[in-house]
Amino acid sequence: MTIDPKFLLRRMFDAAVARAMPDKCLPPFLPHPPKGRTIVVGAGKAAATMAKAVEEHWRGDLSGLVVTRYGHRGPTKHIEVVEAAHPVPDLAGREAAERILGLVQGLSADDLVLCLISGGGSALLTLPAPGLTLQDKQAINRALLKSGANIAEMNCVRKHLSAIKGGRLAAACYPAKVVTLTISDVPGDDPAVIASGPTVPDRTTFADALAILGKYRITEPASVVEHLRAAREETPKPGDPRLAATQAHMVAAPQQSLEAAAEVAHQAGVTPLILGDSLEGESREVALVHAGIARQVVRHGQPVPQPCVLLSGGETTVTVRGKGRGGRNAEFLLALTVALDGQPGIYAMAGDTDGVDGTEDNAGAIVTPDTLQRAAASGLDAKAHLADNDGYSFFSGLGDLVKTGPTLTNVNDFRAILVIPDH
């Protein structure tokens, strides 16, 4: 069977995204309409398409508001969609969060709050805790994004600087029933981490958040550090009676998308091997491990023989030291390119399933065995670009960026390394 490597990689990515589209995965989890009102709220990169899916399958009246990233709006009739900034929050996000908190005030036990949560919600649902400002939240977000902190660490800090995250939204809904439908973008699929868990109990503490800032030597803004030290009002914990009537359902997760990609590979006569759906670590270090496994396939036919594809998901991190452009997927691929050093028969693609790698206009990129050769002919130095965290410019110069536009869902990063016999 003849295999077109780049075509197959893209087909697998598309299948992974399609598996997580709200119109397919959300409807089976919708609850029965309540006796009273139904209020829909939510935040995340998939918020608009989740709201649309609810409207199309809901029997009864509803209203509400969700906030999504700029450019991720979708058509809805009854649920308002507001766009705001990601990954650094802005005024639009703060105002939307204030309105969402206002919508759930004064509800009764006969009412239902349907909360739609997806990746990106932490930045989009921004409501500073008393005594803090939007500028404080922006500054700490920038510092965390550059630090190399993983998503669980970042969201621990965010919860303790917020008036709405870490279960506080659910507490505000009391005594109404709260049903949260979630699309996971975090390693481990913990609903308390996804979008900083606005409707689920929080096991982390102010002390945990302060320790994370210490770990990454983040000392500014001083107001944030002081707020964490003061520890005036903890987030709702497991057993809090205000959260007794809450439920959370995972409607889509990275593992399901990896399995969809694996099925595409299988149908193409390629053996899929899922390495994991929650891999974390520095992008360039994760790339070294992936490169080592791919080389083991070439040299020894282990852990699976050629032709095969190594699939993985999760969220890597980038400790930013350079001034270049590119998200964690471009960083991963550039490090992989350097590590493979032109190894014949190995192709790769990595991309964010939301269609946006970091803050750029690409989902990811593709690596081929001749990437380094073509780069040299174009005057592009892979190692220099990697040192400057400039994966975007490197792959853009080769015409190897993958651009999908916003996919309107998000199950985090997708990585596929295709190993085929070299002829």
Protein backbone atom coordinates (compact mmCIF):
# COMPACT_ATOMS: atom_id res chain seq x y z
CA MET A 1 0.00 0.00 0.00
CA THR A 2 1.35 3.41 -0.97
CA ILE A 3 1.30 5.93 1.86
CA ASP A 4 1.30 9.71 1.39
CA PRO A 5 2.86 10.67 4.74
CA LYS A 6 1.78 14.31 4.88
CA PHE A 7 -1.76 13.50 3.78
CA LEU A 8 -2.07 10.74 6.37
CA LEU A 9 -0.77 12.98 9.16
CA ARG A 10 -3.32 15.64 8.32
CA ARG A 11 -6.14 13.07 8.12
CA MET A 12 -5.29 11.85 11.61
CA PHE A 13 -5.26 15.39 12.99
CA ASP A 14 -8.61 16.15 11.36
CA ALA A 15 -10.10 12.95 12.84
CA ALA A 16 -8.85 13.91 16.30
CA VAL A 17 -10.53 17.31 16.01
CA ALA A 18 -13.76 15.90 14.59
CA ARG A 19 -14.11 13.49 17.52
CA ALA A 20 -14.22 16.45 19.93
CA MET A 21 -16.75 18.60 18.08
CA PRO A 22 -19.59 19.58 20.45
CA ASP A 23 -22.43 18.81 18.04
CA LYS A 24 -21.37 15.15 18.14
CA CYS A 25 -20.18 14.64 21.71
CA LEU A 26 -22.32 16.97 23.85
CA PRO A 27 -26.03 16.07 23.26
CA PRO A 28 -25.98 12.65 25.03
CA PHE A 29 -24.99 14.39 28.29
CA LEU A 30 -27.77 16.97 28.42
CA PRO A 31 -29.90 16.72 31.60
CA HIS A 32 -33.68 16.79 31.75
CA PRO A 33 -35.22 20.28 31.80
CA PRO A 34 -35.96 21.54 35.32
CA LYS A 35 -39.23 22.72 36.83
CA GLY A 36 -37.88 26.26 36.91
CA ARG A 37 -35.54 28.29 34.71
CA THR A 38 -32.54 27.07 32.72
CA ILE A 39 -29.57 29.42 32.66
CA VAL A 40 -26.64 28.55 30.38
CA VAL A 41 -23.22 29.99 31.21
CA GLY A 42 -19.73 29.00 30.20
CA ALA A 43 -16.27 29.84 28.99
CA GLY A 44 -13.63 28.43 26.68
CA LYS A 45 -12.52 28.11 23.11
CA ALA A 46 -15.40 25.71 22.41
CA ALA A 47 -18.00 27.74 24.31
CA ALA A 48 -19.87 29.03 21.25
CA THR A 49 -20.17 25.66 19.52
CA MET A 50 -21.15 24.03 22.81
CA ALA A 51 -23.88 26.65 23.25
CA LYS A 52 -25.10 26.02 19.72
CA ALA A 53 -25.25 22.27 20.37
CA VAL A 54 -27.29 22.88 23.52
CA GLU A 55 -29.76 25.09 21.66
CA GLU A 56 -30.23 22.54 18.90
CA HIS A 57 -31.04 19.68 21.30
CA TRP A 58 -32.71 21.38 24.28
CA ARG A 59 -36.41 20.91 24.91
CA GLY A 60 -37.66 23.93 26.76
CA ASP A 61 -36.80 27.55 27.34
CA LEU A 62 -33.28 28.71 28.10
CA SER A 63 -31.13 31.81 28.14
CA GLY A 64 -27.63 32.72 29.14
CA LEU A 65 -24.19 33.91 28.20
CA VAL A 66 -20.87 32.27 27.32
CA VAL A 67 -17.47 33.80 26.63
CA THR A 68 -15.03 32.55 24.01
CA ARG A 69 -11.81 33.63 22.35
CA TYR A 70 -11.78 36.35 19.70
CA GLY A 71 -12.54 34.74 16.34
CA HIS A 72 -14.29 31.74 17.91
CA ARG A 73 -17.86 33.05 17.83
CA GLY A 74 -20.61 30.84 16.40
CA PRO A 75 -24.29 31.42 15.57
CA THR A 76 -26.68 31.12 18.52
CA LYS A 77 -30.27 32.30 19.05
CA HIS A 78 -30.91 32.31 22.78
CA ILE A 79 -27.47 32.16 24.39
CA GLU A 80 -25.37 35.30 24.03
CA VAL A 81 -21.76 34.79 22.95
CA VAL A 82 -19.11 37.31 24.03
CA GLU A 83 -15.55 37.27 22.69
CA ALA A 84 -12.52 38.10 24.83
CA ALA A 85 -8.73 37.76 24.89
CA HIS A 86 -6.65 34.63 25.41
CA PRO A 87 -4.14 33.74 26.86
CA VAL A 88 -3.78 37.12 28.60
CA PRO A 89 -7.20 38.34 29.82
CA ASP A 90 -8.76 41.66 28.87
CA LEU A 91 -11.60 43.96 29.89
CA ALA A 92 -14.13 42.11 27.72
CA GLY A 93 -13.44 38.90 29.62
CA ARG A 94 -13.75 40.61 32.97
CA GLU A 95 -17.06 42.22 32.04
CA ALA A 96 -18.40 38.90 30.72
CA ALA A 97 -17.44 37.17 33.97
CA GLU A 98 -19.23 39.87 35.98
CA ARG A 99 -22.36 39.40 33.88
CA ILE A 100 -22.21 35.60 34.24
CA LEU A 101 -21.96 35.91 38.00
CA GLY A 102 -24.93 38.27 37.90
CA LEU A 103 -27.04 35.84 35.86
CA VAL A 104 -26.85 33.11 38.52
CA GLN A 105 -27.86 35.29 41.46
CA GLY A 106 -31.20 34.67 43.21
CA LEU A 107 -31.93 31.24 41.73
CA SER A 108 -34.08 28.59 43.43
CA ALA A 109 -33.72 24.86 43.93
CA ASP A 110 -36.08 24.38 40.96
CA ASP A 111 -33.68 26.13 38.59
CA LEU A 112 -30.84 24.65 36.54
CA VAL A 113 -27.51 26.21 35.64
CA LEU A 114 -25.95 24.46 32.66
CA CYS A 115 -22.27 25.35 32.61
CA LEU A 116 -20.26 24.77 29.41
CA ILE A 117 -16.53 24.57 30.07
CA SER A 118 -13.60 24.06 27.70
CA GLY A 119 -9.93 24.89 27.48
CA GLY A 120 -9.03 28.54 27.56
CA GLY A 121 -11.70 29.34 30.12
CA SER A 122 -9.18 30.40 32.76
CA ALA A 123 -8.13 33.46 30.79
CA LEU A 124 -11.56 34.15 29.33
CA LEU A 125 -13.48 33.97 32.61
CA THR A 126 -11.57 36.67 34.44
CA LEU A 127 -12.95 38.27 37.57
CA PRO A 128 -10.24 39.51 39.96
CA ALA A 129 -10.70 38.77 43.64
CA PRO A 130 -11.47 41.78 45.86
CA GLY A 131 -8.42 44.01 46.15
CA LEU A 132 -6.93 42.90 42.83
CA THR A 133 -7.17 44.53 39.39
CA LEU A 134 -7.35 43.32 35.83
CA GLN A 135 -3.81 44.63 35.39
CA ASP A 136 -2.67 42.39 38.25
CA LYS A 137 -4.25 39.37 36.55
CA GLN A 138 -2.68 40.27 33.21
CA ALA A 139 0.78 40.62 34.73
CA ILE A 140 0.65 37.32 36.59
CA ASN A 141 -0.66 35.53 33.50
CA ARG A 142 2.25 36.81 31.43
CA ALA A 143 4.73 35.78 34.09
CA LEU A 144 3.27 32.28 34.40
CA LEU A 145 3.16 31.77 30.63
CA LYS A 146 6.88 32.53 30.36
CA SER A 147 7.91 30.60 33.46
CA GLY A 148 7.51 27.01 32.26
CA ALA A 149 4.79 26.27 34.81
CA ASN A 150 2.41 23.50 33.79
CA ILE A 151 -1.32 24.05 33.40
CA ALA A 152 -2.25 22.64 36.81
CA GLU A 153 0.22 24.99 38.49
CA MET A 154 -0.96 28.00 36.52
CA ASN A 155 -4.58 27.29 37.28
CA CYS A 156 -3.91 26.77 40.97
CA VAL A 157 -2.60 30.32 41.09
CA ARG A 158 -5.45 31.66 38.96
CA LYS A 159 -8.11 30.10 41.24
CA HIS A 160 -6.76 31.94 44.26
CA LEU A 161 -6.76 35.29 42.50
CA SER A 162 -10.33 34.97 41.25
CA ALA A 163 -13.85 35.73 42.41
CA ILE A 164 -15.39 33.13 40.08
CA LYS A 165 -12.97 30.21 39.59
CA GLY A 166 -12.18 27.28 41.86
CA GLY A 167 -15.81 26.42 42.61
CA ARG A 168 -16.88 29.99 43.33
CA LEU A 169 -19.28 30.12 40.37
CA ALA A 170 -21.11 27.01 41.61
CA ALA A 171 -21.31 28.49 45.11
CA ALA A 172 -22.93 31.60 43.63
CA CYS A 173 -25.55 29.40 41.89
CA TYR A 174 -26.73 27.82 45.16
CA PRO A 175 -29.37 26.46 45.73
CA ALA A 176 -29.91 25.83 42.00
CA LYS A 177 -28.77 22.55 40.47
CA VAL A 178 -25.54 22.92 38.49
CA VAL A 179 -24.62 20.57 35.64
CA THR A 180 -21.25 21.16 34.04
CA LEU A 181 -20.42 19.76 30.60
CA THR A 182 -16.70 19.79 29.98
CA ILE A 183 -14.33 19.31 27.06
CA SER A 184 -10.95 18.46 28.54
CA ASP A 185 -7.75 20.15 27.45
CA VAL A 186 -5.62 19.21 30.46
CA PRO A 187 -3.43 16.20 31.24
CA GLY A 188 -5.41 13.83 33.45
CA ASP A 189 -8.80 15.35 32.56
CA ASP A 190 -9.30 16.77 36.06
CA PRO A 191 -12.42 19.00 35.98
CA ALA A 192 -10.93 21.04 38.82
CA VAL A 193 -8.08 22.07 36.51
CA ILE A 194 -9.99 22.62 33.25
CA ALA A 195 -10.63 26.36 33.01
CA SER A 196 -9.65 26.49 36.70
CA GLY A 197 -12.78 24.57 37.70
CA PRO A 198 -15.35 27.32 38.28
CA THR A 199 -18.09 24.85 39.26
CA VAL A 200 -16.21 22.05 41.05
CA PRO A 201 -14.60 21.84 44.51
CA ASP A 202 -10.99 22.90 44.78
CA ARG A 203 -8.47 20.89 46.79
CA THR A 204 -5.65 23.42 46.36
CA THR A 205 -4.89 26.23 48.79
CA PHE A 206 -3.48 29.74 48.95
CA ALA A 207 -0.29 28.17 50.33
CA ASP A 208 -0.04 25.94 47.25
CA ALA A 209 -0.41 28.95 44.96
CA LEU A 210 2.22 30.91 46.85
CA ALA A 211 4.62 27.98 46.66
CA ILE A 212 4.20 27.84 42.88
CA LEU A 213 5.21 31.49 42.55
CA GLY A 214 8.22 30.75 44.72
CA LYS A 215 9.16 27.72 42.61
CA TYR A 216 9.32 29.86 39.47
CA ARG A 217 10.76 32.91 41.24
CA ILE A 218 7.81 35.12 40.40
CA THR A 219 7.76 38.09 42.77
CA GLU A 220 5.58 40.59 40.91
CA PRO A 221 3.02 42.06 41.07
CA ALA A 222 3.48 42.66 44.78
CA SER A 223 -0.32 42.93 45.19
CA VAL A 224 -0.71 39.36 43.96
CA VAL A 225 1.91 38.00 46.34
CA GLU A 226 0.33 39.87 49.23
CA HIS A 227 -3.13 38.57 48.32
CA LEU A 228 -1.89 34.98 48.39
CA ARG A 229 -0.11 35.51 51.69
CA ALA A 230 -3.20 37.04 53.29
CA ALA A 231 -5.30 33.97 52.31
CA ARG A 232 -8.51 35.67 53.39
CA GLU A 233 -11.15 33.52 51.69
CA GLU A 234 -10.38 29.99 50.54
CA THR A 235 -12.00 28.40 47.51
CA PRO A 236 -14.91 26.00 48.16
CA LYS A 237 -13.57 22.58 49.16
CA PRO A 238 -14.97 19.03 48.79
CA GLY A 239 -17.96 18.68 51.08
CA ASP A 240 -19.01 22.31 50.82
CA PRO A 241 -22.84 22.21 51.05
CA ARG A 242 -23.17 24.92 48.40
CA LEU A 243 -21.74 22.47 45.86
CA ALA A 244 -23.81 19.47 46.92
CA ALA A 245 -26.19 19.80 43.95
CA THR A 246 -23.47 19.97 41.30
CA GLN A 247 -22.62 17.40 38.64
CA ALA A 248 -19.79 17.38 36.10
CA HIS A 249 -19.62 15.31 32.91
CA MET A 250 -16.67 14.95 30.53
CA VAL A 251 -18.10 15.05 27.01
CA ALA A 252 -14.79 14.92 25.12
CA ALA A 253 -11.21 14.20 26.12
CA PRO A 254 -7.78 13.80 24.46
CA GLN A 255 -7.76 9.99 24.68
CA GLN A 256 -10.89 9.74 22.56
CA SER A 257 -9.35 11.95 19.90
CA LEU A 258 -6.14 9.91 19.87
CA GLU A 259 -8.22 6.77 19.40
CA ALA A 260 -10.00 8.39 16.43
CA ALA A 261 -6.61 9.19 14.87
CA ALA A 262 -5.43 5.66 15.58
CA GLU A 263 -8.39 4.27 13.65
CA VAL A 264 -7.46 6.38 10.61
CA ALA A 265 -3.91 4.99 10.77
CA HIS A 266 -5.17 1.44 11.12
CA GLN A 267 -7.37 1.80 8.05
CA ALA A 268 -4.33 3.04 6.11
CA GLY A 269 -2.36 -0.07 7.03
CA VAL A 270 -0.23 1.73 9.62
CA THR A 271 0.11 0.38 13.16
CA PRO A 272 -0.84 3.04 15.74
CA LEU A 273 0.80 3.22 19.15
CA ILE A 274 -0.65 5.68 21.65
CA LEU A 275 2.18 6.76 23.93
CA GLY A 276 -0.08 8.70 26.26
CA ASP A 277 -2.83 11.29 26.36
CA SER A 278 -1.35 13.43 29.13
CA LEU A 279 2.35 13.93 28.40
CA GLU A 280 3.89 16.98 30.02
CA GLY A 281 7.31 18.61 30.28
CA GLU A 282 9.42 21.09 28.36
CA SER A 283 8.56 20.87 24.66
CA ARG A 284 12.16 20.31 23.59
CA GLU A 285 12.69 17.58 26.21
CA VAL A 286 9.50 15.77 25.22
CA ALA A 287 10.72 16.00 21.61
CA LEU A 288 13.98 14.24 22.53
CA VAL A 289 12.06 11.33 24.04
CA HIS A 290 9.80 11.04 21.00
CA ALA A 291 12.81 11.13 18.68
CA GLY A 292 14.44 8.33 20.68
CA ILE A 293 11.37 6.11 20.38
CA ALA A 294 11.12 6.78 16.63
CA ARG A 295 14.77 5.82 16.18
CA GLN A 296 14.18 2.60 18.13
CA VAL A 297 11.44 1.72 15.65
CA VAL A 298 13.80 2.31 12.72
CA ARG A 299 16.73 0.41 14.21
CA HIS A 300 15.04 -2.45 16.05
CA GLY A 301 11.36 -2.56 15.12
CA GLN A 302 10.43 -1.76 18.69
CA PRO A 303 8.06 -1.08 20.38
CA VAL A 304 6.17 -1.66 17.11
CA PRO A 305 7.44 -2.44 13.60
CA GLN A 306 7.21 -0.14 10.59
CA PRO A 307 5.00 1.24 9.21
CA CYS A 308 3.70 2.76 12.41
CA VAL A 309 2.65 6.01 13.94
CA LEU A 310 3.46 7.18 17.45
CA LEU A 311 0.55 9.21 18.83
CA SER A 312 0.50 11.37 21.93
CA GLY A 313 -1.45 14.16 23.55
CA GLY A 314 -1.17 16.42 26.56
CA GLU A 315 0.30 19.84 27.10
CA THR A 316 3.99 20.62 27.03
CA THR A 317 5.48 23.86 28.28
CA VAL A 318 8.02 26.35 26.97
CA THR A 319 10.32 28.32 29.20
CA VAL A 320 10.70 31.42 27.04
CA ARG A 321 14.26 32.69 26.81
CA GLY A 322 14.35 33.98 23.24
CA LYS A 323 12.41 36.60 21.33
CA GLY A 324 11.05 34.47 18.51
CA ARG A 325 7.52 33.47 17.56
CA GLY A 326 5.74 30.17 18.01
CA GLY A 327 3.78 28.03 20.43
CA ARG A 328 4.67 24.82 22.17
CA ASN A 329 3.90 22.64 19.12
CA ALA A 330 6.28 24.57 16.89
CA GLU A 331 8.89 24.33 19.66
CA PHE A 332 8.35 20.57 19.93
CA LEU A 333 8.67 20.06 16.19
CA LEU A 334 11.76 22.20 15.86
CA ALA A 335 13.46 20.31 18.69
CA LEU A 336 12.36 17.04 17.07
CA THR A 337 13.86 18.17 13.76
CA VAL A 338 17.20 18.86 15.40
CA ALA A 339 17.16 15.57 17.30
CA LEU A 340 16.27 13.44 14.27
CA ASP A 341 18.97 15.14 12.16
CA GLY A 342 17.46 14.12 8.84
CA GLN A 343 16.68 10.50 9.80
CA PRO A 344 15.12 8.87 6.71
CA GLY A 345 11.58 7.56 6.88
CA ILE A 346 10.33 9.72 9.76
CA TYR A 347 7.60 12.32 9.34
CA ALA A 348 5.80 14.23 12.08
CA MET A 349 2.99 16.63 12.79
CA ALA A 350 2.09 18.42 15.98
CA GLY A 351 -0.74 20.87 16.44
CA ASP A 352 -3.14 22.37 18.91
CA THR A 353 -6.61 20.94 18.34
CA ASP A 354 -8.12 24.40 18.82
CA GLY A 355 -6.34 25.52 15.64
CA VAL A 356 -4.11 28.07 17.40
CA ASP A 357 -0.58 27.20 18.53
CA GLY A 358 0.09 29.69 21.29
CA THR A 359 -0.89 33.09 19.95
CA GLU A 360 -0.04 32.52 16.29
CA ASP A 361 -2.25 31.87 13.24
CA ASN A 362 -1.22 28.24 12.80
CA ALA A 363 -2.38 25.05 14.48
CA GLY A 364 1.05 23.49 14.13
CA ALA A 365 3.46 22.29 11.46
CA ILE A 366 4.82 19.24 9.64
CA VAL A 367 8.33 17.76 9.68
CA THR A 368 9.72 15.62 6.85
CA PRO A 369 13.03 13.74 6.50
CA ASP A 370 14.38 16.54 4.29
CA THR A 371 13.34 19.42 6.58
CA LEU A 372 16.93 20.22 7.62
CA GLN A 373 18.16 19.95 4.04
CA ARG A 374 15.52 22.35 2.77
CA ALA A 375 16.17 24.67 5.70
CA ALA A 376 19.86 24.87 4.90
CA ALA A 377 19.05 25.68 1.27
CA SER A 378 16.80 28.49 2.50
CA GLY A 379 19.34 29.90 4.93
CA LEU A 380 17.43 28.74 8.03
CA ASP A 381 19.44 27.49 11.01
CA ALA A 382 17.30 25.09 13.05
CA LYS A 383 19.43 25.25 16.19
CA ALA A 384 19.54 29.05 16.16
CA HIS A 385 15.78 29.27 15.72
CA LEU A 386 15.28 26.81 18.58
CA ALA A 387 17.54 28.84 20.87
CA ASP A 388 15.39 31.89 20.10
CA ASN A 389 12.06 30.05 20.62
CA ASP A 390 11.33 30.83 16.97
CA GLY A 391 9.67 27.72 15.59
CA TYR A 392 6.99 29.69 13.77
CA SER A 393 9.48 31.59 11.60
CA PHE A 394 11.42 28.40 10.85
CA PHE A 395 8.44 26.41 9.58
CA SER A 396 6.89 29.44 7.91
CA GLY A 397 10.09 29.87 5.91
CA LEU A 398 9.72 26.30 4.66
CA GLY A 399 6.00 26.55 3.91
CA ASP A 400 5.33 23.77 6.41
CA LEU A 401 2.94 25.48 8.81
CA VAL A 402 -0.47 23.84 9.24
CA LYS A 403 -3.25 26.44 9.27
CA THR A 404 -6.80 25.37 10.02
CA GLY A 405 -8.28 28.50 11.52
CA PRO A 406 -10.18 28.16 14.84
CA THR A 407 -11.62 24.64 15.03
CA LEU A 408 -14.11 25.70 17.75
CA THR A 409 -13.18 22.80 20.02
CA ASN A 410 -10.13 22.01 22.15
CA VAL A 411 -8.67 18.76 23.47
CA ASN A 412 -5.17 20.16 23.68
CA ASP A 413 -2.10 19.14 21.70
CA PHE A 414 -1.95 16.36 19.13
CA ARG A 415 1.35 14.78 18.11
CA ALA A 416 1.92 12.11 15.47
CA ILE A 417 5.27 10.68 14.38
CA LEU A 418 4.95 8.48 11.31
CA VAL A 419 7.72 5.93 10.70
CA ILE A 420 7.65 4.23 7.31
CA PRO A 421 10.24 2.11 5.49
CA ASP A 422 12.66 4.24 3.50
CA HIS A 423 12.90 3.23 -0.14
